Amino acid sequence: MKKTNPIPADDMRAEYDFASMKGGVRGKYARRAREGTNIVLIEPEVADAFPTEQAVNEALKGVLNTARAVRSTGGLPNRALQPASRTKRKSKSRKSSRAARG
């Protein structure tokens, strides 16, 4: 026997009337679902720099490791990595303009 009334795939059956059901709570598990996911939206130009999810995770882990190292040591541990100090200019001995005025 063939069914005469096929059920549409995108519509619910008429016997599923949630308004008449007892104890139904809308969004009962919404908070739990949100806590289980960690979705972050990034800008398109940032997404172009990372071809895969693994590349993003590796870059972020590198940033975290650098931040931890700086926090724990109070700065960059190697003097070679720190910015070069500016050479001090030799100051010429000049008399101040106030002293010249007398």
N, C-alpha and C. Protein backbone atom coordinates (compact mmCIF):
# COMPACT_ATOMS: atom_id res chain seq x y z
N MET A 1 0.82 -1.19 0.00
CA MET A 1 0.00 0.00 0.00
C MET A 1 0.86 1.25 0.00
N LYS A 2 0.43 2.22 -0.71
CA LYS A 2 1.14 3.49 -0.75
C LYS A 2 0.47 4.48 0.18
N LYS A 3 1.29 5.34 0.76
CA LYS A 3 0.72 6.39 1.59
C LYS A 3 0.15 7.47 0.67
N THR A 4 -1.01 7.93 1.03
CA THR A 4 -1.66 8.94 0.20
C THR A 4 -1.24 10.35 0.58
N ASN A 5 -0.88 10.57 1.84
CA ASN A 5 -0.47 11.89 2.30
C ASN A 5 1.00 11.87 2.73
N PRO A 6 1.91 12.21 1.84
CA PRO A 6 3.32 12.23 2.28
C PRO A 6 3.55 13.38 3.26
N ILE A 7 4.41 13.12 4.23
CA ILE A 7 4.72 14.13 5.24
C ILE A 7 5.83 15.03 4.71
N PRO A 8 5.61 16.35 4.69
CA PRO A 8 6.68 17.24 4.23
C PRO A 8 7.89 17.15 5.17
N ALA A 9 9.08 17.18 4.62
CA ALA A 9 10.31 17.02 5.40
C ALA A 9 10.59 18.20 6.31
N ASP A 10 10.12 19.39 5.96
CA ASP A 10 10.44 20.58 6.75
C ASP A 10 9.31 21.02 7.67
N ASP A 11 8.25 20.24 7.80
CA ASP A 11 7.12 20.62 8.63
C ASP A 11 6.84 19.52 9.64
N MET A 12 6.34 19.92 10.80
CA MET A 12 6.04 18.94 11.85
C MET A 12 4.61 18.42 11.67
N ARG A 13 4.39 17.27 12.19
CA ARG A 13 3.05 16.68 12.12
C ARG A 13 2.07 17.46 12.98
N ALA A 14 0.82 17.35 12.68
CA ALA A 14 -0.22 18.08 13.39
C ALA A 14 -0.37 17.59 14.83
N GLU A 15 -0.04 16.34 15.12
CA GLU A 15 -0.22 15.82 16.47
C GLU A 15 0.82 16.36 17.46
N TYR A 16 1.86 17.02 16.96
CA TYR A 16 2.84 17.64 17.85
C TYR A 16 2.40 19.05 18.19
N ASP A 17 1.51 19.19 19.13
CA ASP A 17 1.01 20.50 19.55
C ASP A 17 1.68 20.83 20.89
N PHE A 18 2.75 21.59 20.84
CA PHE A 18 3.52 21.89 22.04
C PHE A 18 2.78 22.82 23.01
N ALA A 19 1.82 23.57 22.52
CA ALA A 19 1.07 24.47 23.38
C ALA A 19 0.23 23.69 24.39
N SER A 20 -0.23 22.52 24.02
CA SER A 20 -1.08 21.74 24.92
C SER A 20 -0.28 20.77 25.80
N MET A 21 1.01 20.65 25.59
CA MET A 21 1.83 19.72 26.38
C MET A 21 2.17 20.33 27.73
N LYS A 22 2.23 19.48 28.75
CA LYS A 22 2.55 19.93 30.10
C LYS A 22 4.06 19.89 30.32
N GLY A 23 4.55 20.84 31.11
CA GLY A 23 5.94 20.82 31.54
C GLY A 23 6.96 21.27 30.52
N GLY A 24 6.54 21.67 29.36
CA GLY A 24 7.49 22.12 28.35
C GLY A 24 8.03 23.50 28.69
N VAL A 25 9.32 23.65 28.68
CA VAL A 25 9.95 24.92 28.97
C VAL A 25 10.79 25.31 27.77
N ARG A 26 10.52 26.50 27.29
CA ARG A 26 11.26 26.97 26.13
C ARG A 26 12.70 27.32 26.53
N GLY A 27 13.67 26.82 25.79
CA GLY A 27 15.06 27.12 26.05
C GLY A 27 15.62 26.48 27.30
N LYS A 28 15.09 25.34 27.67
CA LYS A 28 15.48 24.69 28.92
C LYS A 28 16.97 24.36 28.95
N TYR A 29 17.53 23.97 27.82
CA TYR A 29 18.92 23.57 27.76
C TYR A 29 19.79 24.60 27.02
N ALA A 30 19.28 25.79 26.79
CA ALA A 30 20.02 26.80 26.03
C ALA A 30 21.31 27.21 26.74
N ARG A 31 21.26 27.44 28.04
CA ARG A 31 22.45 27.86 28.80
C ARG A 31 23.52 26.78 28.75
N ARG A 32 23.10 25.54 28.93
CA ARG A 32 24.06 24.43 28.91
C ARG A 32 24.71 24.30 27.53
N ALA A 33 23.94 24.51 26.50
CA ALA A 33 24.50 24.43 25.15
C ALA A 33 25.49 25.56 24.90
N ARG A 34 25.17 26.77 25.38
CA ARG A 34 26.09 27.91 25.22
C ARG A 34 27.38 27.69 25.97
N GLU A 35 27.33 27.09 27.15
CA GLU A 35 28.53 26.85 27.94
C GLU A 35 29.43 25.82 27.29
N GLY A 36 28.85 24.90 26.55
CA GLY A 36 29.62 23.85 25.91
C GLY A 36 30.28 24.28 24.62
N THR A 37 29.97 25.45 24.12
CA THR A 37 30.56 25.92 22.87
C THR A 37 31.43 27.13 23.14
N ASN A 38 32.42 27.30 22.31
CA ASN A 38 33.32 28.44 22.44
C ASN A 38 33.57 28.98 21.04
N ILE A 39 32.59 29.68 20.51
CA ILE A 39 32.68 30.22 19.16
C ILE A 39 33.07 31.68 19.24
N VAL A 40 34.08 32.05 18.47
CA VAL A 40 34.54 33.42 18.43
C VAL A 40 34.53 33.87 16.98
N LEU A 41 33.95 35.02 16.72
CA LEU A 41 33.94 35.57 15.37
C LEU A 41 35.15 36.48 15.19
N ILE A 42 35.89 36.25 14.11
CA ILE A 42 37.04 37.08 13.83
C ILE A 42 36.81 37.83 12.52
N GLU A 43 37.53 38.91 12.36
CA GLU A 43 37.37 39.73 11.17
C GLU A 43 37.93 38.99 9.95
N PRO A 44 37.39 39.28 8.76
CA PRO A 44 37.81 38.54 7.56
C PRO A 44 39.30 38.64 7.26
N GLU A 45 39.91 39.82 7.47
CA GLU A 45 41.34 39.94 7.17
C GLU A 45 42.19 39.11 8.13
N VAL A 46 41.72 38.90 9.34
CA VAL A 46 42.43 38.04 10.28
C VAL A 46 42.23 36.58 9.87
N ALA A 47 41.04 36.22 9.45
CA ALA A 47 40.75 34.85 9.03
C ALA A 47 41.58 34.47 7.81
N ASP A 48 41.88 35.43 6.94
CA ASP A 48 42.68 35.15 5.75
C ASP A 48 44.12 34.77 6.11
N ALA A 49 44.61 35.26 7.25
CA ALA A 49 45.99 34.98 7.66
C ALA A 49 46.16 33.56 8.19
N PHE A 50 45.08 32.92 8.59
CA PHE A 50 45.16 31.58 9.17
C PHE A 50 44.36 30.60 8.33
N PRO A 51 45.03 29.67 7.67
CA PRO A 51 44.31 28.76 6.77
C PRO A 51 43.49 27.70 7.48
N THR A 52 43.89 27.33 8.70
CA THR A 52 43.18 26.25 9.40
C THR A 52 42.94 26.63 10.86
N GLU A 53 42.08 25.86 11.49
CA GLU A 53 41.79 26.03 12.92
C GLU A 53 43.05 25.78 13.75
N GLN A 54 43.83 24.81 13.32
CA GLN A 54 45.07 24.49 14.04
C GLN A 54 46.06 25.65 13.99
N ALA A 55 46.13 26.36 12.87
CA ALA A 55 47.03 27.50 12.75
C ALA A 55 46.63 28.62 13.72
N VAL A 56 45.34 28.83 13.87
CA VAL A 56 44.85 29.85 14.81
C VAL A 56 45.22 29.46 16.23
N ASN A 57 45.00 28.21 16.59
CA ASN A 57 45.31 27.75 17.94
C ASN A 57 46.80 27.84 18.25
N GLU A 58 47.65 27.49 17.30
CA GLU A 58 49.10 27.58 17.52
C GLU A 58 49.53 29.03 17.73
N ALA A 59 48.97 29.95 16.95
CA ALA A 59 49.33 31.36 17.09
C ALA A 59 48.88 31.89 18.45
N LEU A 60 47.69 31.54 18.86
CA LEU A 60 47.20 32.02 20.16
C LEU A 60 47.98 31.42 21.32
N LYS A 61 48.39 30.17 21.19
CA LYS A 61 49.21 29.55 22.24
C LYS A 61 50.56 30.26 22.33
N GLY A 62 51.11 30.66 21.20
CA GLY A 62 52.37 31.40 21.20
C GLY A 62 52.23 32.74 21.90
N VAL A 63 51.13 33.43 21.64
CA VAL A 63 50.89 34.71 22.31
C VAL A 63 50.75 34.51 23.82
N LEU A 64 50.03 33.47 24.21
CA LEU A 64 49.87 33.19 25.64
C LEU A 64 51.20 32.87 26.31
N ASN A 65 52.02 32.06 25.67
CA ASN A 65 53.33 31.73 26.24
C ASN A 65 54.20 32.96 26.39
N THR A 66 54.16 33.84 25.41
CA THR A 66 54.94 35.08 25.50
C THR A 66 54.44 35.96 26.64
N ALA A 67 53.12 36.08 26.75
CA ALA A 67 52.55 36.90 27.83
C ALA A 67 52.90 36.32 29.20
N ARG A 68 52.85 35.01 29.33
CA ARG A 68 53.21 34.38 30.61
C ARG A 68 54.68 34.61 30.94
N ALA A 69 55.55 34.52 29.95
CA ALA A 69 56.98 34.71 30.19
C ALA A 69 57.26 36.14 30.63
N VAL A 70 56.62 37.09 30.02
CA VAL A 70 56.83 38.49 30.38
C VAL A 70 56.30 38.76 31.78
N ARG A 71 55.14 38.19 32.10
CA ARG A 71 54.58 38.40 33.44
C ARG A 71 55.44 37.77 34.53
N SER A 72 55.94 36.58 34.27
CA SER A 72 56.68 35.87 35.31
C SER A 72 58.07 36.45 35.55
N THR A 73 58.70 37.00 34.52
CA THR A 73 60.04 37.53 34.68
C THR A 73 60.06 39.04 34.85
N GLY A 74 58.95 39.66 34.59
CA GLY A 74 58.89 41.11 34.72
C GLY A 74 59.45 41.82 33.50
N GLY A 75 59.72 41.12 32.46
CA GLY A 75 60.24 41.73 31.25
C GLY A 75 60.85 40.68 30.36
N LEU A 76 61.54 41.12 29.34
CA LEU A 76 62.18 40.18 28.44
C LEU A 76 63.40 39.58 29.12
N PRO A 77 63.56 38.25 29.09
CA PRO A 77 64.64 37.62 29.82
C PRO A 77 66.02 37.83 29.20
N ASN A 78 66.12 37.99 27.92
CA ASN A 78 67.40 38.10 27.25
C ASN A 78 67.69 39.55 26.89
N ARG A 79 68.84 40.07 27.27
CA ARG A 79 69.18 41.47 26.98
C ARG A 79 69.26 41.71 25.48
N ALA A 80 69.61 40.70 24.72
CA ALA A 80 69.73 40.88 23.28
C ALA A 80 68.37 41.14 22.64
N LEU A 81 67.31 40.67 23.27
CA LEU A 81 65.98 40.88 22.71
C LEU A 81 65.40 42.24 23.06
N GLN A 82 66.00 42.91 24.02
CA GLN A 82 65.48 44.21 24.43
C GLN A 82 65.92 45.27 23.43
N PRO A 83 65.16 46.35 23.30
CA PRO A 83 65.52 47.40 22.34
C PRO A 83 66.89 47.98 22.66
N ALA A 84 67.64 48.28 21.62
CA ALA A 84 68.97 48.85 21.80
C ALA A 84 68.85 50.24 22.41
N SER A 85 69.74 50.54 23.33
CA SER A 85 69.69 51.86 23.95
C SER A 85 70.26 52.88 22.98
N ARG A 86 69.73 54.07 23.07
CA ARG A 86 70.22 55.13 22.19
C ARG A 86 71.57 55.61 22.69
N THR A 87 72.42 55.91 21.76
CA THR A 87 73.72 56.41 22.17
C THR A 87 73.56 57.83 22.67
N LYS A 88 74.23 58.13 23.76
CA LYS A 88 74.12 59.46 24.34
C LYS A 88 74.98 60.43 23.54
N ARG A 89 74.39 61.54 23.26
CA ARG A 89 75.12 62.56 22.51
C ARG A 89 76.08 63.27 23.44
N LYS A 90 77.21 63.63 22.89
CA LYS A 90 78.17 64.39 23.68
C LYS A 90 77.66 65.81 23.78
N SER A 91 77.55 66.27 24.98
CA SER A 91 77.04 67.63 25.16
C SER A 91 78.20 68.61 25.12
N LYS A 92 77.99 69.64 24.35
CA LYS A 92 79.00 70.69 24.26
C LYS A 92 78.83 71.61 25.45
N SER A 93 79.93 72.10 25.96
CA SER A 93 79.84 72.99 27.10
C SER A 93 79.47 74.38 26.61
N ARG A 94 78.26 74.74 26.85
CA ARG A 94 77.77 76.05 26.49
C ARG A 94 77.36 76.76 27.76
N LYS A 95 77.53 78.03 27.72
CA LYS A 95 77.04 78.81 28.84
C LYS A 95 75.57 79.05 28.62
N SER A 96 74.82 79.02 29.67
CA SER A 96 73.39 79.24 29.51
C SER A 96 73.16 80.67 29.10
N SER A 97 72.09 80.88 28.39
CA SER A 97 71.78 82.23 27.90
C SER A 97 71.50 83.19 29.04
N ARG A 98 71.01 82.70 30.15
CA ARG A 98 70.74 83.55 31.29
C ARG A 98 72.05 84.05 31.92
N ALA A 99 73.02 83.16 31.95
CA ALA A 99 74.30 83.55 32.54
C ALA A 99 74.99 84.61 31.68
N ALA A 100 74.79 84.55 30.39
CA ALA A 100 75.42 85.51 29.50
C ALA A 100 74.79 86.88 29.65
N ARG A 101 73.54 86.95 30.02
CA ARG A 101 72.85 88.22 30.14
C ARG A 101 73.34 88.99 31.37
N GLY A 102 73.75 88.31 32.32
CA GLY A 102 74.35 88.95 33.46
C GLY A 102 73.48 89.24 34.56
